[in-house]
Structure formats: structure tokens, C-alpha cells
Amino acid sequence: LEGALPPWPPGRELGCIAGTLNLGLGAVVGAVRAPGDGAVALAEARPEAPHAFAAFRVSHLGLLASPRVADAVHRFLADGHFAAG
């Protein structure tokens, strides 16, 4: 996204997950420099505090197939954060 985004509503959790395995077309053509997931740079995926963030050593497509990522999403939807507990 380009341009200014509206502020996130207070009291509503926001969680972002990113991959760090720089494989994919974006990495091949040089559009995404490491660190990133081959399609999105890690810096582009990281929200400003106090929002939740988690990174996994998977590619962009790997985010869809990873059991660890699925577990983190489940945890965030249930508890509003990625860390256990």
C-alpha cells in the first residue's frame, strides 16, 4: 500500500505475520531484498508498536502451508497475541 493509512481503532488487536525465507519472484528480480519472504520485505510487514508481530522462516507461499504459522494465527485469534500464555 502506498500513502497514509487511517489509524487502527484503539482497543482492537492487530497481528501481522511475516516470512523470512527470501524465495520467490520478488527475490529473483530484486524487488524484495532480504530479509523478506520473496514477495514482501520484512520491514513492510512489521506494524508499529503496540501491535503483535511474528516472523517465521518460510517463504511467502510457505506462510499458507506452515503448521507453525497456522498455530500462531489460531493463538492470535483466540488470545489477541502470538506468544503462548
Protein backbone atom coordinates (compact mmCIF):
# COMPACT_ATOMS: atom_id res chain seq x y z
CA LEU A 1 0.00 0.00 0.00
CA GLU A 2 1.14 3.48 -0.71
CA GLY A 3 0.05 6.60 1.09
CA ALA A 4 -1.19 7.28 4.56
CA LEU A 5 -3.35 4.67 6.21
CA PRO A 6 -6.04 5.60 8.68
CA PRO A 7 -5.17 4.91 12.33
CA TRP A 8 -6.03 1.47 13.66
CA PRO A 9 -9.04 1.59 16.02
CA PRO A 10 -7.96 1.70 19.69
CA GLY A 11 -8.67 -1.47 21.63
CA ARG A 12 -8.70 -3.68 18.54
CA GLU A 13 -5.85 -6.18 18.25
CA LEU A 14 -3.76 -6.22 15.08
CA GLY A 15 -1.41 -9.09 14.34
CA CYS A 16 0.98 -9.38 11.42
CA ILE A 17 2.90 -12.47 10.38
CA ALA A 18 5.86 -12.40 8.02
CA GLY A 19 8.17 -14.89 6.38
CA THR A 20 11.96 -14.61 6.39
CA LEU A 21 12.87 -17.20 3.73
CA ASN A 22 13.63 -14.96 0.75
CA LEU A 23 12.44 -17.25 -2.05
CA GLY A 24 10.11 -16.15 -4.81
CA LEU A 25 9.80 -13.98 -7.87
CA GLY A 26 10.31 -10.75 -5.92
CA ALA A 27 13.68 -12.03 -4.68
CA VAL A 28 14.71 -13.21 -8.16
CA VAL A 29 14.01 -9.87 -9.90
CA GLY A 30 15.40 -7.87 -7.00
CA ALA A 31 12.11 -6.25 -5.99
CA VAL A 32 12.36 -7.69 -2.47
CA ARG A 33 15.68 -7.51 -0.74
CA ALA A 34 16.49 -9.74 2.20
CA PRO A 35 15.24 -10.01 4.80
CA GLY A 36 11.85 -10.90 3.46
CA ASP A 37 9.75 -13.78 2.19
CA GLY A 38 10.40 -13.37 -1.54
CA ALA A 39 7.30 -11.22 -2.08
CA VAL A 40 7.17 -8.83 0.89
CA ALA A 41 10.10 -7.24 2.72
CA LEU A 42 10.16 -7.89 6.43
CA ALA A 43 10.21 -4.15 7.16
CA GLU A 44 6.99 -3.71 5.16
CA ALA A 45 5.17 -6.36 7.18
CA ARG A 46 6.08 -5.14 10.64
CA PRO A 47 3.47 -2.91 12.26
CA GLU A 48 4.30 -0.11 14.65
CA ALA A 49 4.03 -0.94 18.37
CA PRO A 50 1.93 -1.93 20.26
CA HIS A 51 0.66 -4.37 17.64
CA ALA A 52 1.62 -8.05 17.62
CA PHE A 53 4.20 -9.36 15.16
CA ALA A 54 5.62 -12.81 14.45
CA ALA A 55 8.16 -13.94 11.85
CA PHE A 56 8.74 -17.48 10.61
CA ARG A 57 11.47 -18.96 8.41
CA VAL A 58 9.12 -19.64 5.49
CA SER A 59 8.59 -18.12 2.06
CA HIS A 60 5.54 -16.05 1.14
CA LEU A 61 3.74 -19.13 -0.20
CA GLY A 62 5.03 -21.15 2.76
CA LEU A 63 3.03 -18.88 5.09
CA LEU A 64 -0.11 -20.58 3.75
CA ALA A 65 1.12 -24.14 4.30
CA SER A 66 3.06 -23.91 7.57
CA PRO A 67 1.52 -25.67 10.59
CA ARG A 68 3.51 -23.32 12.89
CA VAL A 69 2.02 -20.28 11.18
CA ALA A 70 -1.48 -21.78 11.40
CA ASP A 71 -0.93 -22.38 15.13
CA ALA A 72 0.21 -18.78 15.61
CA VAL A 73 -2.87 -17.46 13.78
CA HIS A 74 -5.11 -19.66 15.92
CA ARG A 75 -3.39 -18.41 19.07
CA PHE A 76 -3.76 -14.78 17.98
CA LEU A 77 -7.45 -15.17 17.13
CA ALA A 78 -8.10 -16.86 20.48
CA ASP A 79 -5.95 -14.64 22.73
CA GLY A 80 -5.08 -11.46 20.82
CA HIS A 81 -1.33 -12.18 20.83
CA PHE A 82 1.13 -14.65 19.30
CA ALA A 83 3.12 -15.68 22.38
CA ALA A 84 1.84 -18.63 24.37
CA GLY A 85 0.31 -17.79 27.72
